Amino acid sequence: MNYVIVSSQVLLGLVFLCSIAGKVGSADAYRAFRLSVAHLAPPLRRSTKTVAPLVIAAEAAVPVALVVPTSVTAGFAAAALLLVGFAVALTGVLRRGETAACHCFGGSEPVAARHVVRNVLLAGVALAGAVGRPVTRGAETGSSAGLLLAVGVGVLLALLTVSLDDLAHLFGPVDPKEAGA
């Protein structure tokens, strides 16, 4: 068993599940996400009522595909395509100099370069999984301890990914206005 593939499946599956939960967790969260589509993809401004649910449906397909043994490679490929699309949309916001919120996980953090980097890194994981998965099909057995460790690594990486904005605030420069100075 390729434990790196298992960790990647867990990482990407959880990241996409958290992304969906952040977007549909409340009516306000969904509305904010739908409105953000107009900033992230200006050509789709008039279609946000259609595009937003399609994005969520595509995101929902990824974790499902990643747990069904016959569709894992397709799940990795779909994740890679979505993540590259998200990175392109976020880059567009930054290049246009717009102030738009990133509703990736339900928050309302302004789009920043770290969001692009996060999506590019995750797309790299997904591409590696899509390419590496066919090679590992013959070796589906592994130790329970190794599998547990692989799952744990995937969960830890997903938590760090989902908490990126919080970590950036925790370890980033202190804003004098926020510090009471």
Protein backbone atom coordinates (compact mmCIF):
# COMPACT_ATOMS: atom_id res chain seq x y z
CA MET A 1 0.00 0.00 0.00
CA ASN A 2 1.29 3.43 -0.85
CA TYR A 3 0.80 5.39 2.34
CA VAL A 4 1.55 8.70 0.62
CA ILE A 5 -1.45 8.11 -1.64
CA VAL A 6 -3.62 7.36 1.41
CA SER A 7 -2.44 10.53 3.15
CA SER A 8 -3.18 12.50 -0.04
CA GLN A 9 -6.67 11.01 -0.30
CA VAL A 10 -7.42 11.96 3.31
CA LEU A 11 -5.90 15.44 2.95
CA LEU A 12 -7.80 16.33 -0.21
CA GLY A 13 -11.02 14.64 0.86
CA LEU A 14 -11.13 16.55 4.14
CA VAL A 15 -10.12 19.86 2.54
CA PHE A 16 -12.96 19.58 0.03
CA LEU A 17 -15.45 18.50 2.71
CA CYS A 18 -14.47 21.49 4.87
CA SER A 19 -14.75 23.76 1.86
CA ILE A 20 -18.27 22.54 1.16
CA ALA A 21 -19.27 22.82 4.82
CA GLY A 22 -17.98 26.39 4.94
CA LYS A 23 -20.02 27.33 1.89
CA VAL A 24 -23.32 25.66 2.77
CA GLY A 25 -23.12 25.80 6.57
CA SER A 26 -25.68 28.60 6.68
CA ALA A 27 -27.79 30.67 4.33
CA ASP A 28 -25.49 33.66 4.93
CA ALA A 29 -22.37 31.60 4.16
CA TYR A 30 -23.88 30.33 0.92
CA ARG A 31 -25.01 33.81 -0.10
CA ALA A 32 -21.54 35.22 0.61
CA PHE A 33 -19.93 32.46 -1.44
CA ARG A 34 -22.36 32.97 -4.32
CA LEU A 35 -21.64 36.71 -4.35
CA SER A 36 -17.89 36.09 -4.20
CA VAL A 37 -18.08 34.11 -7.44
CA ALA A 38 -18.75 37.40 -9.23
CA HIS A 39 -15.42 38.80 -7.96
CA LEU A 40 -13.46 35.61 -8.49
CA ALA A 41 -14.71 35.03 -12.03
CA PRO A 42 -15.95 38.31 -13.56
CA PRO A 43 -17.14 36.70 -16.82
CA LEU A 44 -19.57 34.66 -14.71
CA ARG A 45 -21.06 37.65 -12.84
CA ARG A 46 -24.51 37.14 -14.32
CA SER A 47 -24.43 33.38 -13.71
CA THR A 48 -23.59 33.14 -10.01
CA LYS A 49 -26.91 31.45 -9.20
CA THR A 50 -25.91 28.64 -11.56
CA VAL A 51 -22.15 28.57 -11.09
CA ALA A 52 -22.10 28.50 -7.26
CA PRO A 53 -24.07 25.24 -6.93
CA LEU A 54 -22.06 23.70 -9.77
CA VAL A 55 -18.81 24.49 -7.95
CA ILE A 56 -20.17 22.95 -4.77
CA ALA A 57 -21.35 19.85 -6.65
CA ALA A 58 -17.93 19.47 -8.27
CA GLU A 59 -16.27 19.85 -4.88
CA ALA A 60 -18.62 17.23 -3.42
CA ALA A 61 -17.69 14.75 -6.13
CA VAL A 62 -14.02 14.82 -5.13
CA PRO A 63 -14.23 13.21 -1.66
CA VAL A 64 -16.67 10.62 -2.97
CA ALA A 65 -14.35 9.72 -5.84
CA LEU A 66 -11.36 9.58 -3.52
CA VAL A 67 -12.93 6.85 -1.36
CA VAL A 68 -14.32 4.66 -4.16
CA PRO A 69 -11.41 2.40 -5.20
CA THR A 70 -12.31 2.42 -8.91
CA SER A 71 -12.45 6.23 -9.11
CA VAL A 72 -9.53 7.38 -6.97
CA THR A 73 -7.48 8.49 -9.96
CA ALA A 74 -10.46 10.42 -11.32
CA GLY A 75 -10.92 12.00 -7.88
CA PHE A 76 -7.32 13.17 -7.83
CA ALA A 77 -7.66 14.52 -11.38
CA ALA A 78 -10.90 16.37 -10.54
CA ALA A 79 -9.29 17.83 -7.42
CA ALA A 80 -6.32 19.02 -9.48
CA LEU A 81 -8.56 20.68 -12.07
CA LEU A 82 -10.67 22.43 -9.44
CA LEU A 83 -7.66 23.60 -7.45
CA VAL A 84 -5.91 24.98 -10.53
CA GLY A 85 -9.14 26.77 -11.46
CA PHE A 86 -9.39 28.23 -7.98
CA ALA A 87 -5.74 29.34 -8.10
CA VAL A 88 -6.31 31.04 -11.45
CA ALA A 89 -9.42 32.83 -10.16
CA LEU A 90 -7.62 33.99 -7.01
CA THR A 91 -4.62 35.14 -9.05
CA GLY A 92 -6.98 37.16 -11.23
CA VAL A 93 -8.34 38.97 -8.18
CA LEU A 94 -4.81 39.81 -7.03
CA ARG A 95 -3.69 40.95 -10.49
CA ARG A 96 -6.72 43.21 -10.87
CA GLY A 97 -5.94 44.73 -7.47
CA GLU A 98 -9.45 44.02 -6.23
CA THR A 99 -10.39 43.48 -2.64
CA ALA A 100 -12.47 40.33 -2.60
CA ALA A 101 -13.14 37.86 0.16
CA CYS A 102 -11.94 34.29 -0.02
CA HIS A 103 -14.82 32.10 1.08
CA CYS A 104 -12.81 28.93 0.68
CA PHE A 105 -13.78 27.54 4.07
CA GLY A 106 -16.64 29.84 4.97
CA GLY A 107 -14.49 32.70 6.18
CA SER A 108 -14.37 36.17 4.74
CA GLU A 109 -10.64 36.70 4.61
CA PRO A 110 -9.43 38.99 1.79
CA VAL A 111 -7.82 37.08 -1.07
CA ALA A 112 -4.06 36.88 -0.51
CA ALA A 113 -1.09 35.25 -2.19
CA ARG A 114 -1.14 32.50 0.45
CA HIS A 115 -4.50 31.33 -0.93
CA VAL A 116 -2.99 30.94 -4.39
CA VAL A 117 0.04 29.10 -2.97
CA ARG A 118 -2.23 26.80 -0.93
CA ASN A 119 -4.26 25.86 -3.99
CA VAL A 120 -1.18 25.32 -6.16
CA LEU A 121 0.39 23.05 -3.51
CA LEU A 122 -2.84 21.10 -3.12
CA ALA A 123 -3.09 20.79 -6.92
CA GLY A 124 0.44 19.36 -6.87
CA VAL A 125 -0.62 16.77 -4.31
CA ALA A 126 -3.65 15.91 -6.45
CA LEU A 127 -1.56 15.61 -9.63
CA ALA A 128 0.96 13.42 -7.85
CA GLY A 129 -1.90 11.23 -6.62
CA ALA A 130 -3.40 10.97 -10.10
CA VAL A 131 -0.06 9.98 -11.58
CA GLY A 132 1.05 7.76 -8.70
CA ARG A 133 -2.21 5.93 -8.14
CA PRO A 134 -2.14 3.57 -11.17
CA VAL A 135 1.31 2.31 -10.18
CA THR A 136 0.11 1.26 -6.72
CA ARG A 137 -2.98 -0.74 -7.71
CA GLY A 138 -1.20 -4.08 -7.37
CA ALA A 139 -0.01 -3.42 -3.82
CA GLU A 140 -3.20 -2.88 -1.82
CA THR A 141 -2.06 -4.53 1.40
CA GLY A 142 -0.23 -2.76 4.16
CA SER A 143 0.15 -2.72 7.90
CA SER A 144 -2.56 -1.33 10.14
CA ALA A 145 -0.02 0.89 11.88
CA GLY A 146 1.19 2.30 8.57
CA LEU A 147 -2.36 2.94 7.42
CA LEU A 148 -3.23 4.65 10.71
CA LEU A 149 -0.15 6.85 10.45
CA ALA A 150 -0.98 7.74 6.83
CA VAL A 151 -4.53 8.72 7.81
CA GLY A 152 -3.22 10.74 10.76
CA VAL A 153 -0.77 12.63 8.53
CA GLY A 154 -3.59 13.38 6.08
CA VAL A 155 -5.83 14.68 8.87
CA LEU A 156 -3.03 16.84 10.30
CA LEU A 157 -2.22 18.33 6.91
CA ALA A 158 -5.91 19.00 6.27
CA LEU A 159 -6.23 20.79 9.62
CA LEU A 160 -3.20 22.95 8.83
CA THR A 161 -4.56 23.71 5.36
CA VAL A 162 -8.02 24.65 6.58
CA SER A 163 -6.49 26.77 9.36
CA LEU A 164 -4.13 28.64 7.04
CA ASP A 165 -5.72 32.05 7.59
CA ASP A 166 -5.72 31.61 11.35
CA LEU A 167 -2.09 30.51 11.28
CA ALA A 168 -1.18 33.49 9.08
CA HIS A 169 -2.73 35.82 11.65
CA LEU A 170 -1.10 34.01 14.55
CA PHE A 171 2.40 34.00 13.10
CA GLY A 172 2.16 37.03 10.79
CA PRO A 173 3.10 40.61 11.52
CA VAL A 174 1.12 42.39 14.21
CA ASP A 175 -1.14 45.17 12.98
CA PRO A 176 -0.62 48.14 15.37
CA LYS A 177 -4.36 48.98 15.13
CA GLU A 178 -5.30 45.50 16.32
CA ALA A 179 -2.69 45.53 19.08
CA GLY A 180 -4.18 48.66 20.63
CA ALA A 181 -1.09 50.76 19.92
